[in-house]
Amino acid sequence: MSDPTVADWIAEGEATIAIFCSPPNRDGCGHSAVVRLATLDPRMTRSRLARRAVCSACGGRGGQVMRDMAAHYERMRAAGMPVLDGYPQT
């Protein structure tokens, strides 16, 4: 999938995504936030969301949009799947 939409993520079972402000050396502060997919337009693509993101910490525009890994690992644990030591636990 080249540029997934919010609807695509929801269909895959995702409820949240993580958005990261660009790293400090790229005019951002490195802040991150978890966003509930249900609050977004289902047609919005990852690239459009990344362009429209505004950091709540520094006001920087743009960011990286990716899977909410803490929620992903929690689902793996709940399903009894092995998760390597050192990965986030909720």
PDB file of N, CA and C in Angstrom:
ATOM      1  N   MET A   1       0.853  -1.165   0.000  1.00  0.00           N
ATOM      2  CA  MET A   1       0.000   0.000   0.000  1.00  0.00           C
ATOM      3  C   MET A   1       0.904   1.235   0.000  1.00  0.00           C
ATOM      4  N   SER A   2       0.803   2.037  -1.021  1.00  0.00           N
ATOM      5  CA  SER A   2       1.731   3.146  -1.168  1.00  0.00           C
ATOM      6  C   SER A   2       1.436   4.322  -0.236  1.00  0.00           C
ATOM      7  N   ASP A   3       0.184   4.721  -0.104  1.00  0.00           N
ATOM      8  CA  ASP A   3      -0.165   5.847   0.764  1.00  0.00           C
ATOM      9  C   ASP A   3      -1.483   5.520   1.456  1.00  0.00           C
ATOM     10  N   PRO A   4      -1.423   4.777   2.568  1.00  0.00           N
ATOM     11  CA  PRO A   4      -2.650   4.311   3.215  1.00  0.00           C
ATOM     12  C   PRO A   4      -3.507   5.462   3.731  1.00  0.00           C
ATOM     13  N   THR A   5      -4.789   5.192   3.803  1.00  0.00           N
ATOM     14  CA  THR A   5      -5.738   6.158   4.349  1.00  0.00           C
ATOM     15  C   THR A   5      -6.096   5.769   5.776  1.00  0.00           C
ATOM     16  N   VAL A   6      -6.749   6.681   6.463  1.00  0.00           N
ATOM     17  CA  VAL A   6      -7.254   6.398   7.810  1.00  0.00           C
ATOM     18  C   VAL A   6      -8.170   5.178   7.752  1.00  0.00           C
ATOM     19  N   ALA A   7      -9.013   5.081   6.738  1.00  0.00           N
ATOM     20  CA  ALA A   7      -9.914   3.932   6.598  1.00  0.00           C
ATOM     21  C   ALA A   7      -9.128   2.630   6.460  1.00  0.00           C
ATOM     22  N   ASP A   8      -8.012   2.656   5.749  1.00  0.00           N
ATOM     23  CA  ASP A   8      -7.167   1.467   5.605  1.00  0.00           C
ATOM     24  C   ASP A   8      -6.652   1.013   6.970  1.00  0.00           C
ATOM     25  N   TRP A   9      -6.169   1.961   7.777  1.00  0.00           N
ATOM     26  CA  TRP A   9      -5.642   1.612   9.096  1.00  0.00           C
ATOM     27  C   TRP A   9      -6.739   1.026   9.985  1.00  0.00           C
ATOM     28  N   ILE A  10      -7.930   1.640   9.936  1.00  0.00           N
ATOM     29  CA  ILE A  10      -9.040   1.140  10.742  1.00  0.00           C
ATOM     30  C   ILE A  10      -9.398  -0.285  10.303  1.00  0.00           C
ATOM     31  N   ALA A  11      -9.411  -0.532   8.992  1.00  0.00           N
ATOM     32  CA  ALA A  11      -9.715  -1.870   8.471  1.00  0.00           C
ATOM     33  C   ALA A  11      -8.685  -2.899   8.920  1.00  0.00           C
ATOM     34  N   GLU A  12      -7.447  -2.458   9.189  1.00  0.00           N
ATOM     35  CA  GLU A  12      -6.393  -3.348   9.675  1.00  0.00           C
ATOM     36  C   GLU A  12      -6.469  -3.566  11.177  1.00  0.00           C
ATOM     37  N   GLY A  13      -7.442  -2.927  11.831  1.00  0.00           N
ATOM     38  CA  GLY A  13      -7.616  -3.098  13.266  1.00  0.00           C
ATOM     39  C   GLY A  13      -6.953  -2.035  14.116  1.00  0.00           C
ATOM     40  N   GLU A  14      -6.386  -1.022  13.486  1.00  0.00           N
ATOM     41  CA  GLU A  14      -5.737   0.050  14.245  1.00  0.00           C
ATOM     42  C   GLU A  14      -6.794   0.996  14.804  1.00  0.00           C
ATOM     43  N   ALA A  15      -6.576   1.512  15.996  1.00  0.00           N
ATOM     44  CA  ALA A  15      -7.464   2.505  16.597  1.00  0.00           C
ATOM     45  C   ALA A  15      -6.749   3.837  16.766  1.00  0.00           C
ATOM     46  N   THR A  16      -5.408   3.786  16.801  1.00  0.00           N
ATOM     47  CA  THR A  16      -4.609   4.989  17.013  1.00  0.00           C
ATOM     48  C   THR A  16      -3.396   4.967  16.090  1.00  0.00           C
ATOM     49  N   ILE A  17      -2.822   6.150  15.887  1.00  0.00           N
ATOM     50  CA  ILE A  17      -1.548   6.282  15.180  1.00  0.00           C
ATOM     51  C   ILE A  17      -0.671   7.218  16.000  1.00  0.00           C
ATOM     52  N   ALA A  18       0.613   7.184  15.724  1.00  0.00           N
ATOM     53  CA  ALA A  18       1.552   8.092  16.389  1.00  0.00           C
ATOM     54  C   ALA A  18       2.046   9.104  15.371  1.00  0.00           C
ATOM     55  N   ILE A  19       2.137  10.352  15.790  1.00  0.00           N
ATOM     56  CA  ILE A  19       2.679  11.412  14.949  1.00  0.00           C
ATOM     57  C   ILE A  19       3.855  12.019  15.697  1.00  0.00           C
ATOM     58  N   PHE A  20       4.986  12.107  15.014  1.00  0.00           N
ATOM     59  CA  PHE A  20       6.217  12.624  15.600  1.00  0.00           C
ATOM     60  C   PHE A  20       6.600  13.934  14.929  1.00  0.00           C
ATOM     61  N   CYS A  21       6.912  14.948  15.741  1.00  0.00           N
ATOM     62  CA  CYS A  21       7.449  16.191  15.218  1.00  0.00           C
ATOM     63  C   CYS A  21       8.814  15.865  14.616  1.00  0.00           C
ATOM     64  N   SER A  22       9.182  16.562  13.574  1.00  0.00           N
ATOM     65  CA  SER A  22      10.487  16.301  12.967  1.00  0.00           C
ATOM     66  C   SER A  22      11.574  16.359  14.024  1.00  0.00           C
ATOM     67  N   PRO A  23      12.638  15.571  13.886  1.00  0.00           N
ATOM     68  CA  PRO A  23      13.722  15.598  14.863  1.00  0.00           C
ATOM     69  C   PRO A  23      14.295  17.004  15.020  1.00  0.00           C
ATOM     70  N   PRO A  24      14.871  17.298  16.187  1.00  0.00           N
ATOM     71  CA  PRO A  24      15.371  18.645  16.452  1.00  0.00           C
ATOM     72  C   PRO A  24      16.326  19.178  15.383  1.00  0.00           C
ATOM     73  N   ASN A  25      17.130  18.321  14.786  1.00  0.00           N
ATOM     74  CA  ASN A  25      18.063  18.807  13.771  1.00  0.00           C
ATOM     75  C   ASN A  25      17.376  19.077  12.440  1.00  0.00           C
ATOM     76  N   ARG A  26      16.067  18.884  12.379  1.00  0.00           N
ATOM     77  CA  ARG A  26      15.306  19.154  11.162  1.00  0.00           C
ATOM     78  C   ARG A  26      14.176  20.135  11.459  1.00  0.00           C
ATOM     79  N   ASP A  27      14.454  21.157  12.238  1.00  0.00           N
ATOM     80  CA  ASP A  27      13.482  22.204  12.554  1.00  0.00           C
ATOM     81  C   ASP A  27      12.255  21.699  13.292  1.00  0.00           C
ATOM     82  N   GLY A  28      12.418  20.698  14.128  1.00  0.00           N
ATOM     83  CA  GLY A  28      11.322  20.201  14.955  1.00  0.00           C
ATOM     84  C   GLY A  28      11.852  19.892  16.340  1.00  0.00           C
ATOM     85  N   CYS A  29      10.957  19.538  17.243  1.00  0.00           N
ATOM     86  CA  CYS A  29      11.371  19.328  18.625  1.00  0.00           C
ATOM     87  C   CYS A  29      11.436  17.859  19.033  1.00  0.00           C
ATOM     88  N   GLY A  30      10.968  16.937  18.181  1.00  0.00           N
ATOM     89  CA  GLY A  30      10.982  15.522  18.532  1.00  0.00           C
ATOM     90  C   GLY A  30       9.790  15.069  19.358  1.00  0.00           C
ATOM     91  N   HIS A  31       8.848  15.966  19.658  1.00  0.00           N
ATOM     92  CA  HIS A  31       7.648  15.636  20.426  1.00  0.00           C
ATOM     93  C   HIS A  31       6.813  14.611  19.655  1.00  0.00           C
ATOM     94  N   SER A  32       6.066  13.795  20.378  1.00  0.00           N
ATOM     95  CA  SER A  32       5.169  12.843  19.721  1.00  0.00           C
ATOM     96  C   SER A  32       3.800  12.857  20.388  1.00  0.00           C
ATOM     97  N   ALA A  33       2.813  12.406  19.640  1.00  0.00           N
ATOM     98  CA  ALA A  33       1.450  12.333  20.156  1.00  0.00           C
ATOM     99  C   ALA A  33       0.757  11.126  19.541  1.00  0.00           C
ATOM    100  N   VAL A  34      -0.163  10.536  20.290  1.00  0.00           N
ATOM    101  CA  VAL A  34      -0.992   9.446  19.795  1.00  0.00           C
ATOM    102  C   VAL A  34      -2.352  10.040  19.459  1.00  0.00           C
ATOM    103  N   VAL A  35      -2.840   9.726  18.254  1.00  0.00           N
ATOM    104  CA  VAL A  35      -4.100  10.292  17.764  1.00  0.00           C
ATOM    105  C   VAL A  35      -5.076   9.161  17.482  1.00  0.00           C
ATOM    106  N   ARG A  36      -6.303   9.327  17.940  1.00  0.00           N
ATOM    107  CA  ARG A  36      -7.355   8.336  17.672  1.00  0.00           C
ATOM    108  C   ARG A  36      -7.814   8.481  16.221  1.00  0.00           C
ATOM    109  N   LEU A  37      -7.801   7.384  15.494  1.00  0.00           N
ATOM    110  CA  LEU A  37      -8.176   7.402  14.084  1.00  0.00           C
ATOM    111  C   LEU A  37      -9.633   7.809  13.885  1.00  0.00           C
ATOM    112  N   ALA A  38     -10.496   7.489  14.833  1.00  0.00           N
ATOM    113  CA  ALA A  38     -11.918   7.814  14.714  1.00  0.00           C
ATOM    114  C   ALA A  38     -12.164   9.318  14.643  1.00  0.00           C
ATOM    115  N   THR A  39     -11.188  10.125  15.055  1.00  0.00           N
ATOM    116  CA  THR A  39     -11.356  11.582  15.030  1.00  0.00           C
ATOM    117  C   THR A  39     -10.942  12.188  13.692  1.00  0.00           C
ATOM    118  N   LEU A  40     -10.438  11.367  12.773  1.00  0.00           N
ATOM    119  CA  LEU A  40      -9.918  11.864  11.497  1.00  0.00           C
ATOM    120  C   LEU A  40     -10.822  11.483  10.335  1.00  0.00           C
ATOM    121  N   ASP A  41     -10.725  12.240   9.262  1.00  0.00           N
ATOM    122  CA  ASP A  41     -11.445  11.941   8.022  1.00  0.00           C
ATOM    123  C   ASP A  41     -10.948  10.600   7.483  1.00  0.00           C
ATOM    124  N   PRO A  42     -11.816   9.622   7.271  1.00  0.00           N
ATOM    125  CA  PRO A  42     -11.369   8.303   6.820  1.00  0.00           C
ATOM    126  C   PRO A  42     -10.659   8.317   5.467  1.00  0.00           C
ATOM    127  N   ARG A  43     -10.869   9.366   4.676  1.00  0.00           N
ATOM    128  CA  ARG A  43     -10.223   9.456   3.362  1.00  0.00           C
ATOM    129  C   ARG A  43      -8.827  10.068   3.422  1.00  0.00           C
ATOM    130  N   MET A  44      -8.450  10.607   4.586  1.00  0.00           N
ATOM    131  CA  MET A  44      -7.150  11.268   4.691  1.00  0.00           C
ATOM    132  C   MET A  44      -6.020  10.252   4.550  1.00  0.00           C
ATOM    133  N   THR A  45      -5.030  10.603   3.726  1.00  0.00           N
ATOM    134  CA  THR A  45      -3.878   9.731   3.522  1.00  0.00           C
ATOM    135  C   THR A  45      -2.780  10.051   4.521  1.00  0.00           C
ATOM    136  N   ARG A  46      -1.853   9.115   4.665  1.00  0.00           N
ATOM    137  CA  ARG A  46      -0.720   9.329   5.565  1.00  0.00           C
ATOM    138  C   ARG A  46       0.077  10.571   5.158  1.00  0.00           C
ATOM    139  N   SER A  47       0.346  10.732   3.872  1.00  0.00           N
ATOM    140  CA  SER A  47       1.154  11.877   3.445  1.00  0.00           C
ATOM    141  C   SER A  47       0.430  13.198   3.695  1.00  0.00           C
ATOM    142  N   ARG A  48      -0.874  13.227   3.468  1.00  0.00           N
ATOM    143  CA  ARG A  48      -1.626  14.455   3.722  1.00  0.00           C
ATOM    144  C   ARG A  48      -1.649  14.778   5.210  1.00  0.00           C
ATOM    145  N   LEU A  49      -1.845  13.768   6.039  1.00  0.00           N
ATOM    146  CA  LEU A  49      -1.837  13.968   7.485  1.00  0.00           C
ATOM    147  C   LEU A  49      -0.478  14.481   7.952  1.00  0.00           C
ATOM    148  N   ALA A  50       0.592  13.916   7.411  1.00  0.00           N
ATOM    149  CA  ALA A  50       1.941  14.358   7.782  1.00  0.00           C
ATOM    150  C   ALA A  50       2.157  15.826   7.422  1.00  0.00           C
ATOM    151  N   ARG A  51       1.693  16.229   6.261  1.00  0.00           N
ATOM    152  CA  ARG A  51       1.858  17.630   5.837  1.00  0.00           C
ATOM    153  C   ARG A  51       1.038  18.580   6.690  1.00  0.00           C
ATOM    154  N   ARG A  52      -0.143  18.138   7.138  1.00  0.00           N
ATOM    155  CA  ARG A  52      -1.057  19.010   7.885  1.00  0.00           C
ATOM    156  C   ARG A  52      -0.788  19.040   9.388  1.00  0.00           C
ATOM    157  N   ALA A  53       0.014  18.119   9.886  1.00  0.00           N
ATOM    158  CA  ALA A  53       0.251  18.024  11.332  1.00  0.00           C
ATOM    159  C   ALA A  53       0.927  19.294  11.856  1.00  0.00           C
ATOM    160  N   VAL A  54       0.489  19.733  13.024  1.00  0.00           N
ATOM    161  CA  VAL A  54       1.097  20.867  13.721  1.00  0.00           C
ATOM    162  C   VAL A  54       1.440  20.399  15.125  1.00  0.00           C
ATOM    163  N   CYS A  55       2.698  20.525  15.505  1.00  0.00           N
ATOM    164  CA  CYS A  55       3.159  20.064  16.815  1.00  0.00           C
ATOM    165  C   CYS A  55       2.551  20.924  17.924  1.00  0.00           C
ATOM    166  N   SER A  56       1.989  20.269  18.932  1.00  0.00           N
ATOM    167  CA  SER A  56       1.394  20.999  20.059  1.00  0.00           C
ATOM    168  C   SER A  56       2.453  21.530  21.024  1.00  0.00           C
ATOM    169  N   ALA A  57       3.696  21.063  20.889  1.00  0.00           N
ATOM    170  CA  ALA A  57       4.759  21.529  21.785  1.00  0.00           C
ATOM    171  C   ALA A  57       5.505  22.740  21.224  1.00  0.00           C
ATOM    172  N   CYS A  58       5.851  22.694  19.926  1.00  0.00           N
ATOM    173  CA  CYS A  58       6.680  23.774  19.367  1.00  0.00           C
ATOM    174  C   CYS A  58       6.011  24.538  18.238  1.00  0.00           C
ATOM    175  N   GLY A  59       4.853  24.066  17.770  1.00  0.00           N
ATOM    176  CA  GLY A  59       4.157  24.740  16.681  1.00  0.00           C
ATOM    177  C   GLY A  59       4.689  24.402  15.302  1.00  0.00           C
ATOM    178  N   GLY A  60       5.689  23.506  15.238  1.00  0.00           N
ATOM    179  CA  GLY A  60       6.264  23.114  13.953  1.00  0.00           C
ATOM    180  C   GLY A  60       5.239  22.410  13.080  1.00  0.00           C
ATOM    181  N   ARG A  61       5.366  22.606  11.774  1.00  0.00           N
ATOM    182  CA  ARG A  61       4.438  21.986  10.825  1.00  0.00           C
ATOM    183  C   ARG A  61       5.077  20.767  10.194  1.00  0.00           C
ATOM    184  N   GLY A  62       4.261  19.762   9.942  1.00  0.00           N
ATOM    185  CA  GLY A  62       4.738  18.533   9.324  1.00  0.00           C
ATOM    186  C   GLY A  62       5.232  17.565  10.375  1.00  0.00           C
ATOM    187  N   GLY A  63       5.320  16.312   9.992  1.00  0.00           N
ATOM    188  CA  GLY A  63       5.793  15.311  10.931  1.00  0.00           C
ATOM    189  C   GLY A  63       5.806  13.941  10.299  1.00  0.00           C
ATOM    190  N   GLN A  64       6.171  12.971  11.099  1.00  0.00           N
ATOM    191  CA  GLN A  64       6.175  11.584  10.664  1.00  0.00           C
ATOM    192  C   GLN A  64       4.945  10.899  11.244  1.00  0.00           C
ATOM    193  N   VAL A  65       4.232  10.168  10.410  1.00  0.00           N
ATOM    194  CA  VAL A  65       3.039   9.448  10.835  1.00  0.00           C
ATOM    195  C   VAL A  65       3.350   7.963  10.747  1.00  0.00           C
ATOM    196  N   MET A  66       3.115   7.257  11.834  1.00  0.00           N
ATOM    197  CA  MET A  66       3.397   5.827  11.825  1.00  0.00           C
ATOM    198  C   MET A  66       2.467   5.083  12.775  1.00  0.00           C
ATOM    199  N   ARG A  67       2.553   3.775  12.695  1.00  0.00           N
ATOM    200  CA  ARG A  67       1.764   2.907  13.571  1.00  0.00           C
ATOM    201  C   ARG A  67       2.073   3.238  15.037  1.00  0.00           C
ATOM    202  N   ASP A  68       1.047   3.191  15.873  1.00  0.00           N
ATOM    203  CA  ASP A  68       1.219   3.358  17.316  1.00  0.00           C
ATOM    204  C   ASP A  68       1.803   2.047  17.838  1.00  0.00           C
ATOM    205  N   MET A  69       3.117   2.010  17.984  1.00  0.00           N
ATOM    206  CA  MET A  69       3.799   0.757  18.311  1.00  0.00           C
ATOM    207  C   MET A  69       3.454   0.252  19.708  1.00  0.00           C
ATOM    208  N   ALA A  70       3.206   1.132  20.670  1.00  0.00           N
ATOM    209  CA  ALA A  70       2.826   0.675  22.008  1.00  0.00           C
ATOM    210  C   ALA A  70       1.514  -0.116  21.935  1.00  0.00           C
ATOM    211  N   ALA A  71       0.543   0.384  21.173  1.00  0.00           N
ATOM    212  CA  ALA A  71      -0.725  -0.329  21.015  1.00  0.00           C
ATOM    213  C   ALA A  71      -0.520  -1.636  20.238  1.00  0.00           C
ATOM    214  N   HIS A  72       0.348  -1.602  19.243  1.00  0.00           N
ATOM    215  CA  HIS A  72       0.651  -2.799  18.450  1.00  0.00           C
ATOM    216  C   HIS A  72       1.230  -3.905  19.333  1.00  0.00           C
ATOM    217  N   TYR A  73       2.221  -3.567  20.153  1.00  0.00           N
ATOM    218  CA  TYR A  73       2.822  -4.568  21.029  1.00  0.00           C
ATOM    219  C   TYR A  73       1.844  -5.068  22.076  1.00  0.00           C
ATOM    220  N   GLU A  74       0.974  -4.201  22.548  1.00  0.00           N
ATOM    221  CA  GLU A  74      -0.034  -4.628  23.530  1.00  0.00           C
ATOM    222  C   GLU A  74      -0.982  -5.645  22.902  1.00  0.00           C
ATOM    223  N   ARG A  75      -1.388  -5.417  21.645  1.00  0.00           N
ATOM    224  CA  ARG A  75      -2.246  -6.395  20.956  1.00  0.00           C
ATOM    225  C   ARG A  75      -1.518  -7.720  20.780  1.00  0.00           C
ATOM    226  N   MET A  76      -0.226  -7.661  20.467  1.00  0.00           N
ATOM    227  CA  MET A  76       0.560  -8.890  20.320  1.00  0.00           C
ATOM    228  C   MET A  76       0.594  -9.659  21.638  1.00  0.00           C
ATOM    229  N   ARG A  77       0.867  -8.953  22.734  1.00  0.00           N
ATOM    230  CA  ARG A  77       0.909  -9.602  24.046  1.00  0.00           C
ATOM    231  C   ARG A  77      -0.445 -10.216  24.393  1.00  0.00           C
ATOM    232  N   ALA A  78      -1.528  -9.473  24.139  1.00  0.00           N
ATOM    233  CA  ALA A  78      -2.871  -9.954  24.455  1.00  0.00           C
ATOM    234  C   ALA A  78      -3.220 -11.213  23.658  1.00  0.00           C
ATOM    235  N   ALA A  79      -2.641 -11.325  22.466  1.00  0.00           N
ATOM    236  CA  ALA A  79      -2.883 -12.499  21.621  1.00  0.00           C
ATOM    237  C   ALA A  79      -1.937 -13.640  21.959  1.00  0.00           C
ATOM    238  N   GLY A  80      -1.061 -13.437  22.946  1.00  0.00           N
ATOM    239  CA  GLY A  80      -0.124 -14.475  23.346  1.00  0.00           C
ATOM    240  C   GLY A  80       1.072 -14.614  22.421  1.00  0.00           C
ATOM    241  N   MET A  81       1.296 -13.617  21.591  1.00  0.00           N
ATOM    242  CA  MET A  81       2.432 -13.660  20.672  1.00  0.00           C
ATOM    243  C   MET A  81       3.688 -13.184  21.392  1.00  0.00           C
ATOM    244  N   PRO A  82       4.845 -13.721  21.042  1.00  0.00           N
ATOM    245  CA  PRO A  82       6.079 -13.296  21.703  1.00  0.00           C
ATOM    246  C   PRO A  82       6.480 -11.887  21.267  1.00  0.00           C
ATOM    247  N   VAL A  83       6.929 -11.119  22.238  1.00  0.00           N
ATOM    248  CA  VAL A  83       7.459  -9.779  21.986  1.00  0.00           C
ATOM    249  C   VAL A  83       8.823  -9.734  22.621  1.00  0.00           C
ATOM    250  N   LEU A  84       9.806  -9.266  21.888  1.00  0.00           N
ATOM    251  CA  LEU A  84      11.187  -9.230  22.389  1.00  0.00           C
ATOM    252  C   LEU A  84      11.296  -8.350  23.622  1.00  0.00           C
ATOM    253  N   ASP A  85      12.143  -8.751  24.556  1.00  0.00           N
ATOM    254  CA  ASP A  85      12.400  -7.917  25.740  1.00  0.00           C
ATOM    255  C   ASP A  85      12.912  -6.562  25.300  1.00  0.00           C
ATOM    256  N   GLY A  86      12.540  -5.553  26.042  1.00  0.00           N
ATOM    257  CA  GLY A  86      12.995  -4.212  25.745  1.00  0.00           C
ATOM    258  C   GLY A  86      12.016  -3.410  24.892  1.00  0.00           C
ATOM    259  N   TYR A  87      10.992  -4.070  24.327  1.00  0.00           N
ATOM    260  CA  TYR A  87      10.008  -3.336  23.557  1.00  0.00           C
ATOM    261  C   TYR A  87       9.008  -2.714  24.513  1.00  0.00           C
ATOM    262  N   PRO A  88       8.392  -1.623  24.122  1.00  0.00           N
ATOM    263  CA  PRO A  88       7.520  -0.886  25.042  1.00  0.00           C
ATOM    264  C   PRO A  88       6.422  -1.754  25.622  1.00  0.00           C
ATOM    265  N   GLN A  89       6.163  -1.508  26.885  1.00  0.00           N
ATOM    266  CA  GLN A  89       5.052  -2.165  27.553  1.00  0.00           C
ATOM    267  C   GLN A  89       4.132  -1.089  28.063  1.00  0.00           C
ATOM    268  N   THR A  90       2.845  -1.358  27.975  1.00  0.00           N
ATOM    269  CA  THR A  90       1.872  -0.367  28.459  1.00  0.00           C
ATOM    270  C   THR A  90       1.345  -0.781  29.800  1.00  0.00           C
TER     271      THR A  90
END
